[in-house]
């Protein structure tokens, strides 16, 4: 029954027999377990029978004991029931003599003949004749047992029936459940095997590994050598893999050069290293030596506590990760990391909904010239008016979309909203430049300047000079040439640039000289503590010095007190924004603030009267 392929049972005789010398002895001297099959056909084992005798006699799988020349010594009752042969029918014969044959493929037959003598444990797909005279697919596992001198003593052969699909589907063609090229279980049968294996793993508290295996660059080999060689390669590769498995392990082909292994024994890194090493051994296909490698993805149940289809998907994800790591390796699926990715995916989807449903807002923070007291511009800052969590700051949601194309979508939304607001303010006789933050992903997009041009065209009443794009210093350093190209195109449109958070990235005098920026913004993390932290003060002094040397205007963020303002002015920085001046506010609050700002006496004292 195919259950024997998918669900590992208690230790079988094949493992016990391999641990003891036995065999080509007269019947009176054979191990007692070998003597029960005839008696068991008629009567149960006595209470004095050993566990080994019981295992042999009561096993669901057909078990055959053969001598050193692979001629039958003994069979168990399950064999007789499965095939209709008695011990007398098969004794002294080889399995091939009574119709247990490798799959109908001369290439596979040849490989079996060549490889079986080289290994003490093997496994292969076979076709066997049942008691009804029909041929059915089976899996034959062979363990060679050696004596104390290392000589072959006997073989323990386990024949598992692969044809016993659920009763209501017995009439279907074999092709429904088995791959036509390799004879391995296909995806449809595999899904059933995975489910049964999980149930057994739960019941017996046993491990289960689901492994997705893909041949590296198989398409190149297939294109170069032709499909006939490719098919031969897949068949031979499948047979090699099947010989590397144990007991009730399963090998399936799910399509193309993709295979899946169900491993019911404990696995570790050493096992997979040995598996990949075996795969690297050259294959001789139609006179050509072909070297292969494979990428392997592994997920472990019940550590990965999901349904069977998800287990397979997770193994595939791990396999693709192995390919990303350079191929010819294996990678374990990490359920904890996957849950984090799933949460991140759901968060991104929620952000997309917020973008589409109008939940995002722009708040504006004024920027002033401390020496004259004049408001010189505002910075547009994103907020999320969440229906359940209230107003969210950028730090609460921007990391969700970092380095994704959603940054481009958000950037275009901000530009669109800022242009619309500029148009509204102009009708109120407010004409202030708006600084808009542009992410590295957005700035380095190849069509950035083209899209900016299109957005500007939708508001012909707004001068492009009223848009200042703030880019992170690190964004420009990531790909200086691409940044320079996009920034130059934008400047031709009349748009200006500022470097945001200067001092936190990869500050370079060369890049500072190259980048076409009209403003340098000193990061608030340095400004906020500059009065109490000597290192921060030194950084602020250095940035102001460089900006002055390159004749670039500068603006300090994070100005919270008059003391900050006075210290910055003493160092030569005259432009500022921060909570000491104003917190970010909704667009409709700005006109009232502009009216009240001149009345701020404490800040007015910093201003120098204009003659």
Foldseek 3Di string as FASTA:
>chain_A
DLLQQQAPDDDALQVVQQVAFAAPDPPVRGPPLQVCAVVLVPDDDDPPDDPNNCRQAVPCWKKFKFFLVQATDGIYNNNCQWAVDDCVRGGRHHQVVQFWAAPPDVLLRVVCVVCVVVDQWFKGKTWGQTSVRDIFIWIKIKGFHAHPVRGTGIIMITIGGPQCDPPVCSPPDPVVQAPPLQRFGEPVVVLVSLQSHQVNCVVVVFKKKKKKKAWPPLVVVCVVPHVVLSSQVLNVLQRLLRGLADRSKGWYDHDDRMIMIIHGHDDDQVSVLVVQVSQQPWDQTPNDTDGIGMFMFMEMPPVVPDRSVVRNVQNVVQSVVSVVVPGRHYGYRDNVVVVVVVVLVVLVVVVVVQLVVVQKAWFWFWKAQLAALHTAAIETAIWGQDPVPGIHHCVVRVVSCPPHCVLQVVQLVSLLVVLVLCVVVVVVVDHHAYEYEHELNLLLPPCNLVSSVVSCVVRVVHQLLSYEYEYEPQSCVVPVVSNQVSQVSNVVSVYAYEHPCPPPHDDDLVSVLRHRHQEYEHHLVLLQCLVPDVVSVVSLLVVLVSCVVSVHAYEYENPQDVVSQVVCVVSPHRMYTHVNQNDTGGSVCVVVSVVCSVVPVVSVVSYDDDD
